[in-house]
Amino acid sequence: MDINEFIELESAQERFMNNEDLYKKFLLQFPDRTLYPDLKKSLESEDISGSFEIAHSMKGVVLNLSLNRLGKKICEIVEILRKDALPDASLQKELSDAYEDTIKNINYIKDNNIKLFN
């Protein structure tokens, strides 16, 4: 597993002032957040306004945690919703894949107590 594929570690380290314990605290809480399931449900009901609010919140959390791949996809979704449109099924699938991969990697970090910062 290459952590740099899903976390921009340099950015995370800088944002969290080299405090790995604090970063991990928030990173390991991410899988318990309901933002993605809430967004998925809102998109399925074609609620553009509600989806935008959830996606925008998710974007803030994801970017603060420097979650690269997921961040790129959620930013794409936010911009489409901002234009009062729904993202197509393929982009929603890409977001789902990025989310699932991110959760898998976070769980790997947790289960193996991986050191992230130098």
N, C-alpha and C. Protein backbone atom coordinates (compact mmCIF):
# COMPACT_ATOMS: atom_id res chain seq x y z
N MET A 1 0.85 -1.19 0.00
CA MET A 1 0.00 0.00 0.00
C MET A 1 0.89 1.24 0.00
N ASP A 2 0.64 2.13 -0.94
CA ASP A 2 1.35 3.40 -0.98
C ASP A 2 0.43 4.47 -0.40
N ILE A 3 0.73 4.87 0.81
CA ILE A 3 -0.11 5.85 1.51
C ILE A 3 -0.23 7.14 0.72
N ASN A 4 0.85 7.53 0.04
CA ASN A 4 0.84 8.78 -0.71
C ASN A 4 -0.18 8.80 -1.85
N GLU A 5 -0.70 7.63 -2.22
CA GLU A 5 -1.73 7.59 -3.26
C GLU A 5 -3.06 8.13 -2.76
N PHE A 6 -3.29 8.05 -1.45
CA PHE A 6 -4.58 8.54 -0.97
C PHE A 6 -4.47 9.63 0.08
N ILE A 7 -3.28 9.83 0.67
CA ILE A 7 -3.07 10.94 1.60
C ILE A 7 -1.88 11.75 1.11
N GLU A 8 -2.05 13.05 1.00
CA GLU A 8 -0.93 13.95 0.71
C GLU A 8 -0.27 14.22 2.06
N LEU A 9 0.69 13.36 2.43
CA LEU A 9 1.26 13.39 3.78
C LEU A 9 1.95 14.71 4.12
N GLU A 10 2.64 15.29 3.17
CA GLU A 10 3.33 16.56 3.43
C GLU A 10 2.32 17.64 3.81
N SER A 11 1.23 17.71 3.08
CA SER A 11 0.17 18.67 3.37
C SER A 11 -0.47 18.39 4.73
N ALA A 12 -0.75 17.12 5.00
CA ALA A 12 -1.36 16.75 6.28
C ALA A 12 -0.44 17.09 7.44
N GLN A 13 0.83 16.80 7.27
CA GLN A 13 1.81 17.07 8.32
C GLN A 13 1.88 18.58 8.60
N GLU A 14 1.88 19.36 7.54
CA GLU A 14 1.91 20.81 7.71
C GLU A 14 0.63 21.33 8.35
N ARG A 15 -0.51 20.87 7.86
CA ARG A 15 -1.81 21.33 8.36
C ARG A 15 -1.99 21.00 9.84
N PHE A 16 -1.47 19.84 10.25
CA PHE A 16 -1.62 19.42 11.64
C PHE A 16 -0.36 19.70 12.47
N MET A 17 0.46 20.62 11.98
CA MET A 17 1.65 21.11 12.68
C MET A 17 2.51 19.97 13.22
N ASN A 18 2.69 18.95 12.37
CA ASN A 18 3.53 17.79 12.67
C ASN A 18 3.03 16.97 13.87
N ASN A 19 1.76 17.13 14.21
CA ASN A 19 1.17 16.40 15.33
C ASN A 19 0.44 15.17 14.78
N GLU A 20 1.18 14.07 14.67
CA GLU A 20 0.62 12.86 14.07
C GLU A 20 -0.54 12.30 14.89
N ASP A 21 -0.44 12.38 16.21
CA ASP A 21 -1.53 11.86 17.05
C ASP A 21 -2.83 12.60 16.77
N LEU A 22 -2.75 13.91 16.63
CA LEU A 22 -3.96 14.70 16.34
C LEU A 22 -4.50 14.34 14.96
N TYR A 23 -3.60 14.25 13.98
CA TYR A 23 -4.03 13.89 12.63
C TYR A 23 -4.73 12.53 12.63
N LYS A 24 -4.09 11.55 13.26
CA LYS A 24 -4.67 10.20 13.29
C LYS A 24 -6.01 10.19 14.02
N LYS A 25 -6.14 11.00 15.04
CA LYS A 25 -7.41 11.07 15.75
C LYS A 25 -8.54 11.41 14.77
N PHE A 26 -8.33 12.44 13.96
CA PHE A 26 -9.36 12.86 13.01
C PHE A 26 -9.47 11.89 11.84
N LEU A 27 -8.34 11.38 11.36
CA LEU A 27 -8.36 10.43 10.25
C LEU A 27 -9.14 9.17 10.62
N LEU A 28 -8.87 8.65 11.81
CA LEU A 28 -9.52 7.40 12.22
C LEU A 28 -10.99 7.58 12.56
N GLN A 29 -11.43 8.82 12.75
CA GLN A 29 -12.85 9.10 12.96
C GLN A 29 -13.61 9.18 11.63
N PHE A 30 -12.89 9.40 10.55
CA PHE A 30 -13.53 9.62 9.26
C PHE A 30 -14.48 8.48 8.85
N PRO A 31 -14.10 7.21 9.00
CA PRO A 31 -15.02 6.14 8.59
C PRO A 31 -16.35 6.15 9.35
N ASP A 32 -16.37 6.73 10.54
CA ASP A 32 -17.61 6.76 11.33
C ASP A 32 -18.53 7.92 10.95
N ARG A 33 -18.02 8.84 10.16
CA ARG A 33 -18.84 9.99 9.76
C ARG A 33 -19.89 9.54 8.75
N THR A 34 -21.02 10.18 8.75
CA THR A 34 -22.12 9.77 7.85
C THR A 34 -22.19 10.62 6.58
N LEU A 35 -21.19 11.44 6.33
CA LEU A 35 -21.26 12.33 5.17
C LEU A 35 -21.45 11.57 3.86
N TYR A 36 -20.64 10.55 3.60
CA TYR A 36 -20.79 9.85 2.33
C TYR A 36 -22.12 9.11 2.23
N PRO A 37 -22.52 8.33 3.23
CA PRO A 37 -23.83 7.68 3.11
C PRO A 37 -24.97 8.70 2.95
N ASP A 38 -24.88 9.82 3.64
CA ASP A 38 -25.90 10.86 3.50
C ASP A 38 -25.89 11.45 2.09
N LEU A 39 -24.70 11.67 1.54
CA LEU A 39 -24.59 12.20 0.18
C LEU A 39 -25.15 11.21 -0.83
N LYS A 40 -24.81 9.97 -0.66
CA LYS A 40 -25.30 8.93 -1.58
C LYS A 40 -26.83 8.90 -1.59
N LYS A 41 -27.41 8.94 -0.40
CA LYS A 41 -28.88 8.93 -0.29
C LYS A 41 -29.49 10.18 -0.93
N SER A 42 -28.87 11.33 -0.70
CA SER A 42 -29.37 12.58 -1.26
C SER A 42 -29.27 12.59 -2.79
N LEU A 43 -28.16 12.07 -3.31
CA LEU A 43 -28.02 11.99 -4.77
C LEU A 43 -29.05 11.04 -5.37
N GLU A 44 -29.29 9.92 -4.69
CA GLU A 44 -30.28 8.96 -5.18
C GLU A 44 -31.67 9.57 -5.23
N SER A 45 -31.97 10.48 -4.31
CA SER A 45 -33.28 11.14 -4.31
C SER A 45 -33.29 12.39 -5.21
N GLU A 46 -32.16 12.64 -5.88
CA GLU A 46 -32.01 13.76 -6.82
C GLU A 46 -32.25 15.11 -6.16
N ASP A 47 -31.87 15.22 -4.90
CA ASP A 47 -31.96 16.47 -4.14
C ASP A 47 -30.67 17.27 -4.36
N ILE A 48 -30.67 18.13 -5.36
CA ILE A 48 -29.46 18.87 -5.72
C ILE A 48 -29.01 19.78 -4.59
N SER A 49 -29.92 20.53 -4.00
CA SER A 49 -29.57 21.46 -2.93
C SER A 49 -29.01 20.73 -1.71
N GLY A 50 -29.71 19.70 -1.28
CA GLY A 50 -29.25 18.91 -0.14
C GLY A 50 -27.93 18.22 -0.44
N SER A 51 -27.80 17.70 -1.64
CA SER A 51 -26.57 17.04 -2.04
C SER A 51 -25.40 18.01 -2.03
N PHE A 52 -25.65 19.23 -2.50
CA PHE A 52 -24.59 20.24 -2.51
C PHE A 52 -24.12 20.53 -1.09
N GLU A 53 -25.05 20.72 -0.17
CA GLU A 53 -24.67 21.03 1.22
C GLU A 53 -23.84 19.91 1.82
N ILE A 54 -24.25 18.67 1.63
CA ILE A 54 -23.52 17.53 2.18
C ILE A 54 -22.16 17.39 1.49
N ALA A 55 -22.16 17.49 0.16
CA ALA A 55 -20.90 17.34 -0.58
C ALA A 55 -19.91 18.44 -0.21
N HIS A 56 -20.41 19.64 0.00
CA HIS A 56 -19.53 20.75 0.36
C HIS A 56 -18.92 20.50 1.75
N SER A 57 -19.72 20.01 2.67
CA SER A 57 -19.21 19.67 4.01
C SER A 57 -18.18 18.55 3.91
N MET A 58 -18.50 17.55 3.12
CA MET A 58 -17.58 16.42 2.95
C MET A 58 -16.27 16.90 2.33
N LYS A 59 -16.36 17.80 1.38
CA LYS A 59 -15.17 18.35 0.73
C LYS A 59 -14.26 18.99 1.77
N GLY A 60 -14.83 19.77 2.69
CA GLY A 60 -14.03 20.42 3.72
C GLY A 60 -13.30 19.42 4.59
N VAL A 61 -14.00 18.39 5.02
CA VAL A 61 -13.39 17.36 5.88
C VAL A 61 -12.29 16.62 5.11
N VAL A 62 -12.60 16.21 3.91
CA VAL A 62 -11.67 15.42 3.10
C VAL A 62 -10.40 16.23 2.78
N LEU A 63 -10.58 17.49 2.41
CA LEU A 63 -9.41 18.30 2.08
C LEU A 63 -8.60 18.63 3.32
N ASN A 64 -9.24 18.84 4.45
CA ASN A 64 -8.50 19.08 5.69
C ASN A 64 -7.67 17.86 6.08
N LEU A 65 -8.14 16.68 5.75
CA LEU A 65 -7.39 15.45 6.03
C LEU A 65 -6.41 15.11 4.91
N SER A 66 -6.37 15.93 3.87
CA SER A 66 -5.47 15.74 2.73
C SER A 66 -5.67 14.38 2.05
N LEU A 67 -6.92 13.97 1.92
CA LEU A 67 -7.25 12.71 1.26
C LEU A 67 -7.35 12.95 -0.24
N ASN A 68 -6.24 12.72 -0.93
CA ASN A 68 -6.07 13.07 -2.34
C ASN A 68 -7.15 12.58 -3.29
N ARG A 69 -7.19 11.29 -3.48
CA ARG A 69 -8.07 10.71 -4.50
C ARG A 69 -9.53 11.05 -4.21
N LEU A 70 -9.93 10.88 -2.97
CA LEU A 70 -11.30 11.20 -2.60
C LEU A 70 -11.56 12.70 -2.75
N GLY A 71 -10.58 13.51 -2.42
CA GLY A 71 -10.71 14.96 -2.55
C GLY A 71 -10.96 15.39 -3.98
N LYS A 72 -10.24 14.78 -4.91
CA LYS A 72 -10.42 15.14 -6.33
C LYS A 72 -11.84 14.83 -6.78
N LYS A 73 -12.35 13.67 -6.38
CA LYS A 73 -13.69 13.27 -6.82
C LYS A 73 -14.78 14.12 -6.16
N ILE A 74 -14.64 14.40 -4.86
CA ILE A 74 -15.67 15.19 -4.20
C ILE A 74 -15.66 16.62 -4.73
N CYS A 75 -14.50 17.15 -5.09
CA CYS A 75 -14.45 18.49 -5.69
C CYS A 75 -15.18 18.52 -7.03
N GLU A 76 -15.04 17.47 -7.82
CA GLU A 76 -15.76 17.39 -9.10
C GLU A 76 -17.27 17.38 -8.86
N ILE A 77 -17.69 16.60 -7.88
CA ILE A 77 -19.12 16.50 -7.55
C ILE A 77 -19.66 17.85 -7.10
N VAL A 78 -18.92 18.53 -6.22
CA VAL A 78 -19.36 19.83 -5.70
C VAL A 78 -19.55 20.82 -6.85
N GLU A 79 -18.62 20.85 -7.79
CA GLU A 79 -18.72 21.81 -8.89
C GLU A 79 -19.91 21.52 -9.79
N ILE A 80 -20.23 20.27 -10.01
CA ILE A 80 -21.40 19.92 -10.81
C ILE A 80 -22.68 20.33 -10.08
N LEU A 81 -22.75 20.03 -8.79
CA LEU A 81 -23.92 20.40 -7.99
C LEU A 81 -24.07 21.92 -7.91
N ARG A 82 -22.96 22.62 -7.84
CA ARG A 82 -22.98 24.09 -7.78
C ARG A 82 -23.68 24.67 -9.01
N LYS A 83 -23.63 23.94 -10.12
CA LYS A 83 -24.27 24.37 -11.37
C LYS A 83 -25.69 23.84 -11.48
N ASP A 84 -26.27 23.41 -10.34
CA ASP A 84 -27.64 22.89 -10.30
C ASP A 84 -27.85 21.68 -11.21
N ALA A 85 -26.84 20.83 -11.25
CA ALA A 85 -26.94 19.60 -12.03
C ALA A 85 -26.54 18.43 -11.14
N LEU A 86 -26.93 17.25 -11.55
CA LEU A 86 -26.53 16.04 -10.83
C LEU A 86 -25.35 15.38 -11.54
N PRO A 87 -24.40 14.85 -10.79
CA PRO A 87 -23.29 14.12 -11.43
C PRO A 87 -23.82 12.84 -12.07
N ASP A 88 -23.20 12.46 -13.19
CA ASP A 88 -23.66 11.24 -13.86
C ASP A 88 -23.25 10.01 -13.06
N ALA A 89 -23.82 8.89 -13.45
CA ALA A 89 -23.61 7.63 -12.72
C ALA A 89 -22.14 7.23 -12.68
N SER A 90 -21.40 7.48 -13.74
CA SER A 90 -19.99 7.07 -13.75
C SER A 90 -19.17 7.87 -12.74
N LEU A 91 -19.45 9.16 -12.61
CA LEU A 91 -18.73 9.97 -11.62
C LEU A 91 -19.14 9.57 -10.21
N GLN A 92 -20.40 9.26 -10.02
CA GLN A 92 -20.84 8.79 -8.70
C GLN A 92 -20.15 7.46 -8.36
N LYS A 93 -19.96 6.61 -9.34
CA LYS A 93 -19.25 5.33 -9.13
C LYS A 93 -17.79 5.59 -8.79
N GLU A 94 -17.16 6.54 -9.47
CA GLU A 94 -15.77 6.89 -9.17
C GLU A 94 -15.65 7.42 -7.75
N LEU A 95 -16.62 8.22 -7.31
CA LEU A 95 -16.63 8.73 -5.94
C LEU A 95 -16.77 7.57 -4.96
N SER A 96 -17.69 6.66 -5.24
CA SER A 96 -17.90 5.50 -4.39
C SER A 96 -16.64 4.67 -4.27
N ASP A 97 -15.98 4.42 -5.40
CA ASP A 97 -14.74 3.64 -5.40
C ASP A 97 -13.65 4.34 -4.59
N ALA A 98 -13.52 5.65 -4.77
CA ALA A 98 -12.51 6.42 -4.03
C ALA A 98 -12.82 6.39 -2.54
N TYR A 99 -14.09 6.50 -2.18
CA TYR A 99 -14.48 6.46 -0.77
C TYR A 99 -14.16 5.09 -0.17
N GLU A 100 -14.57 4.04 -0.83
CA GLU A 100 -14.34 2.69 -0.31
C GLU A 100 -12.84 2.40 -0.17
N ASP A 101 -12.06 2.82 -1.15
CA ASP A 101 -10.61 2.62 -1.09
C ASP A 101 -10.00 3.42 0.07
N THR A 102 -10.48 4.62 0.27
CA THR A 102 -9.99 5.45 1.37
C THR A 102 -10.30 4.81 2.71
N ILE A 103 -11.52 4.32 2.87
CA ILE A 103 -11.91 3.66 4.12
C ILE A 103 -11.04 2.41 4.35
N LYS A 104 -10.82 1.65 3.30
CA LYS A 104 -9.98 0.44 3.40
C LYS A 104 -8.57 0.82 3.87
N ASN A 105 -8.01 1.88 3.30
CA ASN A 105 -6.67 2.30 3.67
C ASN A 105 -6.60 2.88 5.08
N ILE A 106 -7.62 3.62 5.48
CA ILE A 106 -7.66 4.14 6.85
C ILE A 106 -7.71 2.97 7.84
N ASN A 107 -8.52 1.99 7.55
CA ASN A 107 -8.61 0.82 8.43
C ASN A 107 -7.29 0.05 8.48
N TYR A 108 -6.57 0.00 7.37
CA TYR A 108 -5.26 -0.63 7.34
C TYR A 108 -4.29 0.12 8.25
N ILE A 109 -4.31 1.44 8.16
CA ILE A 109 -3.45 2.27 9.02
C ILE A 109 -3.78 2.02 10.49
N LYS A 110 -5.05 1.97 10.79
CA LYS A 110 -5.49 1.73 12.18
C LYS A 110 -5.08 0.34 12.65
N ASP A 111 -5.40 -0.67 11.87
CA ASP A 111 -5.15 -2.06 12.28
C ASP A 111 -3.66 -2.36 12.42
N ASN A 112 -2.82 -1.66 11.67
CA ASN A 112 -1.39 -1.94 11.67
C ASN A 112 -0.57 -0.85 12.35
N ASN A 113 -1.27 0.12 12.95
CA ASN A 113 -0.62 1.24 13.65
C ASN A 113 0.53 1.83 12.83
N ILE A 114 0.21 2.19 11.59
CA ILE A 114 1.20 2.72 10.65
C ILE A 114 1.60 4.14 11.05
N LYS A 115 2.91 4.39 11.06
CA LYS A 115 3.42 5.73 11.31
C LYS A 115 3.31 6.52 10.01
N LEU A 116 2.77 7.74 10.11
CA LEU A 116 2.50 8.54 8.91
C LEU A 116 3.48 9.68 8.73
N PHE A 117 3.83 10.36 9.80
CA PHE A 117 4.71 11.53 9.69
C PHE A 117 6.14 11.13 10.01
N ASN A 118 7.09 11.80 9.36
CA ASN A 118 8.52 11.53 9.63
C ASN A 118 8.94 12.09 10.96
